[in-house]
Amino acid sequence: MNTFDRDDAGAPTLYIAEFIDGPLGGQIDSRALVRGKHAARISMVAAVAGLESVFWYDEVDERDVNGQRRVRYFFDKGESDPIDTEVEPI
């Protein structure tokens, strides 16, 4: 069963996730609303020094920017894979 919200053309309704710190700090990602809501906690996979790592992010706040929902997320270091702070993610 598909739980994604859809617009009139059948495309998923999207919001923008903004990563404010951690290894993905400054990056954004388009994500689909599920049952009209954005995710309060999300995981992202990224390569660090050639190895895939899982990073967890928690919601800080949400806002509307020119009719588009944007949600800011902060890095949960304790729940994420360890990273070498001197290595930049790819």
C-alpha atoms as a PDB file:
ATOM      1  CA  MET A   1       0.000   0.000   0.000  1.00  0.00           C
ATOM      2  CA  ASN A   2       1.360   3.427  -0.990  1.00  0.00           C
ATOM      3  CA  THR A   3       1.268   5.939   1.885  1.00  0.00           C
ATOM      4  CA  PHE A   4       2.983   8.859   0.145  1.00  0.00           C
ATOM      5  CA  ASP A   5       0.955  12.020  -0.345  1.00  0.00           C
ATOM      6  CA  ARG A   6       0.456  12.839  -4.038  1.00  0.00           C
ATOM      7  CA  ASP A   7      -0.260  16.007  -5.986  1.00  0.00           C
ATOM      8  CA  ASP A   8      -2.921  16.270  -8.731  1.00  0.00           C
ATOM      9  CA  ALA A   9      -0.499  14.758 -11.283  1.00  0.00           C
ATOM     10  CA  GLY A  10       0.180  11.747  -9.061  1.00  0.00           C
ATOM     11  CA  ALA A  11       3.718  12.785  -8.071  1.00  0.00           C
ATOM     12  CA  PRO A  12       4.723  12.506  -4.384  1.00  0.00           C
ATOM     13  CA  THR A  13       4.395  15.703  -2.357  1.00  0.00           C
ATOM     14  CA  LEU A  14       7.922  16.680  -1.380  1.00  0.00           C
ATOM     15  CA  TYR A  15       9.580  18.693   1.356  1.00  0.00           C
ATOM     16  CA  ILE A  16      13.189  19.832   1.716  1.00  0.00           C
ATOM     17  CA  ALA A  17      15.359  18.384   4.501  1.00  0.00           C
ATOM     18  CA  GLU A  18      18.192  20.724   5.526  1.00  0.00           C
ATOM     19  CA  PHE A  19      21.130  19.213   7.434  1.00  0.00           C
ATOM     20  CA  ILE A  20      22.512  21.914   9.726  1.00  0.00           C
ATOM     21  CA  ASP A  21      25.539  20.113  11.181  1.00  0.00           C
ATOM     22  CA  GLY A  22      27.463  16.848  11.269  1.00  0.00           C
ATOM     23  CA  PRO A  23      28.979  15.142   8.245  1.00  0.00           C
ATOM     24  CA  LEU A  24      26.135  16.298   5.965  1.00  0.00           C
ATOM     25  CA  GLY A  25      26.059  19.862   7.325  1.00  0.00           C
ATOM     26  CA  GLY A  26      25.001  22.372   4.658  1.00  0.00           C
ATOM     27  CA  GLN A  27      23.439  19.761   2.374  1.00  0.00           C
ATOM     28  CA  ILE A  28      19.761  19.426   1.458  1.00  0.00           C
ATOM     29  CA  ASP A  29      17.625  16.481   0.327  1.00  0.00           C
ATOM     30  CA  SER A  30      14.142  16.239  -1.213  1.00  0.00           C
ATOM     31  CA  ARG A  31      11.941  13.802   0.689  1.00  0.00           C
ATOM     32  CA  ALA A  32       8.326  12.654   0.317  1.00  0.00           C
ATOM     33  CA  LEU A  33       5.625  13.419   2.875  1.00  0.00           C
ATOM     34  CA  VAL A  34       4.044  10.312   4.370  1.00  0.00           C
ATOM     35  CA  ARG A  35       0.402  10.694   5.400  1.00  0.00           C
ATOM     36  CA  GLY A  36       0.831  14.468   5.316  1.00  0.00           C
ATOM     37  CA  LYS A  37       3.833  14.528   7.643  1.00  0.00           C
ATOM     38  CA  HIS A  38       7.568  14.850   7.371  1.00  0.00           C
ATOM     39  CA  ALA A  39       9.875  12.499   9.247  1.00  0.00           C
ATOM     40  CA  ALA A  40      10.918  13.627  12.720  1.00  0.00           C
ATOM     41  CA  ARG A  41      14.012  11.379  12.531  1.00  0.00           C
ATOM     42  CA  ILE A  42      15.812  10.293   9.391  1.00  0.00           C
ATOM     43  CA  SER A  43      18.858   8.263   8.475  1.00  0.00           C
ATOM     44  CA  MET A  44      21.211   9.047   5.630  1.00  0.00           C
ATOM     45  CA  VAL A  45      23.934   6.904   4.108  1.00  0.00           C
ATOM     46  CA  ALA A  46      27.110   8.596   2.902  1.00  0.00           C
ATOM     47  CA  ALA A  47      30.589   7.458   1.959  1.00  0.00           C
ATOM     48  CA  VAL A  48      33.348   8.621   4.310  1.00  0.00           C
ATOM     49  CA  ALA A  49      36.915   7.702   3.347  1.00  0.00           C
ATOM     50  CA  GLY A  50      35.450   5.191   0.890  1.00  0.00           C
ATOM     51  CA  LEU A  51      33.282   3.423   3.482  1.00  0.00           C
ATOM     52  CA  GLU A  52      29.498   3.698   3.691  1.00  0.00           C
ATOM     53  CA  SER A  53      28.311   5.112   7.010  1.00  0.00           C
ATOM     54  CA  VAL A  54      24.819   5.630   8.445  1.00  0.00           C
ATOM     55  CA  PHE A  55      24.088   9.032   9.972  1.00  0.00           C
ATOM     56  CA  TRP A  56      20.992   9.797  12.049  1.00  0.00           C
ATOM     57  CA  TYR A  57      19.398  13.239  12.110  1.00  0.00           C
ATOM     58  CA  ASP A  58      16.580  14.621  14.298  1.00  0.00           C
ATOM     59  CA  GLU A  59      14.153  17.431  13.487  1.00  0.00           C
ATOM     60  CA  VAL A  60      14.917  20.894  14.845  1.00  0.00           C
ATOM     61  CA  ASP A  61      12.046  22.840  13.298  1.00  0.00           C
ATOM     62  CA  GLU A  62       9.951  23.295  10.177  1.00  0.00           C
ATOM     63  CA  ARG A  63       8.983  26.367   8.206  1.00  0.00           C
ATOM     64  CA  ASP A  64       7.348  27.435   4.970  1.00  0.00           C
ATOM     65  CA  VAL A  65       9.578  29.128   2.383  1.00  0.00           C
ATOM     66  CA  ASN A  66       7.643  30.456  -0.619  1.00  0.00           C
ATOM     67  CA  GLY A  67       5.028  27.707  -0.293  1.00  0.00           C
ATOM     68  CA  GLN A  68       7.537  24.889   0.177  1.00  0.00           C
ATOM     69  CA  ARG A  69       7.900  22.985   3.440  1.00  0.00           C
ATOM     70  CA  ARG A  70      11.477  22.982   4.754  1.00  0.00           C
ATOM     71  CA  VAL A  71      12.587  20.990   7.783  1.00  0.00           C
ATOM     72  CA  ARG A  72      15.918  21.472   9.547  1.00  0.00           C
ATOM     73  CA  TYR A  73      17.680  18.459  11.094  1.00  0.00           C
ATOM     74  CA  PHE A  74      20.591  18.165  13.541  1.00  0.00           C
ATOM     75  CA  PHE A  75      23.144  15.354  13.712  1.00  0.00           C
ATOM     76  CA  ASP A  76      22.734  12.608  16.348  1.00  0.00           C
ATOM     77  CA  LYS A  77      26.377  11.661  16.819  1.00  0.00           C
ATOM     78  CA  GLY A  78      25.659   9.058  19.510  1.00  0.00           C
ATOM     79  CA  GLU A  79      23.375   6.980  17.254  1.00  0.00           C
ATOM     80  CA  SER A  80      25.389   7.400  14.042  1.00  0.00           C
ATOM     81  CA  ASP A  81      28.341   5.413  12.747  1.00  0.00           C
ATOM     82  CA  PRO A  82      31.640   6.818  14.039  1.00  0.00           C
ATOM     83  CA  ILE A  83      33.591   9.039  11.669  1.00  0.00           C
ATOM     84  CA  ASP A  84      37.088  10.472  11.565  1.00  0.00           C
ATOM     85  CA  THR A  85      36.532  14.202  12.055  1.00  0.00           C
ATOM     86  CA  GLU A  86      39.465  15.016   9.765  1.00  0.00           C
ATOM     87  CA  VAL A  87      37.913  13.196   6.795  1.00  0.00           C
ATOM     88  CA  GLU A  88      35.338  15.007   4.669  1.00  0.00           C
ATOM     89  CA  PRO A  89      32.320  13.008   3.385  1.00  0.00           C
ATOM     90  CA  ILE A  90      32.142  12.321  -0.352  1.00  0.00           C
END
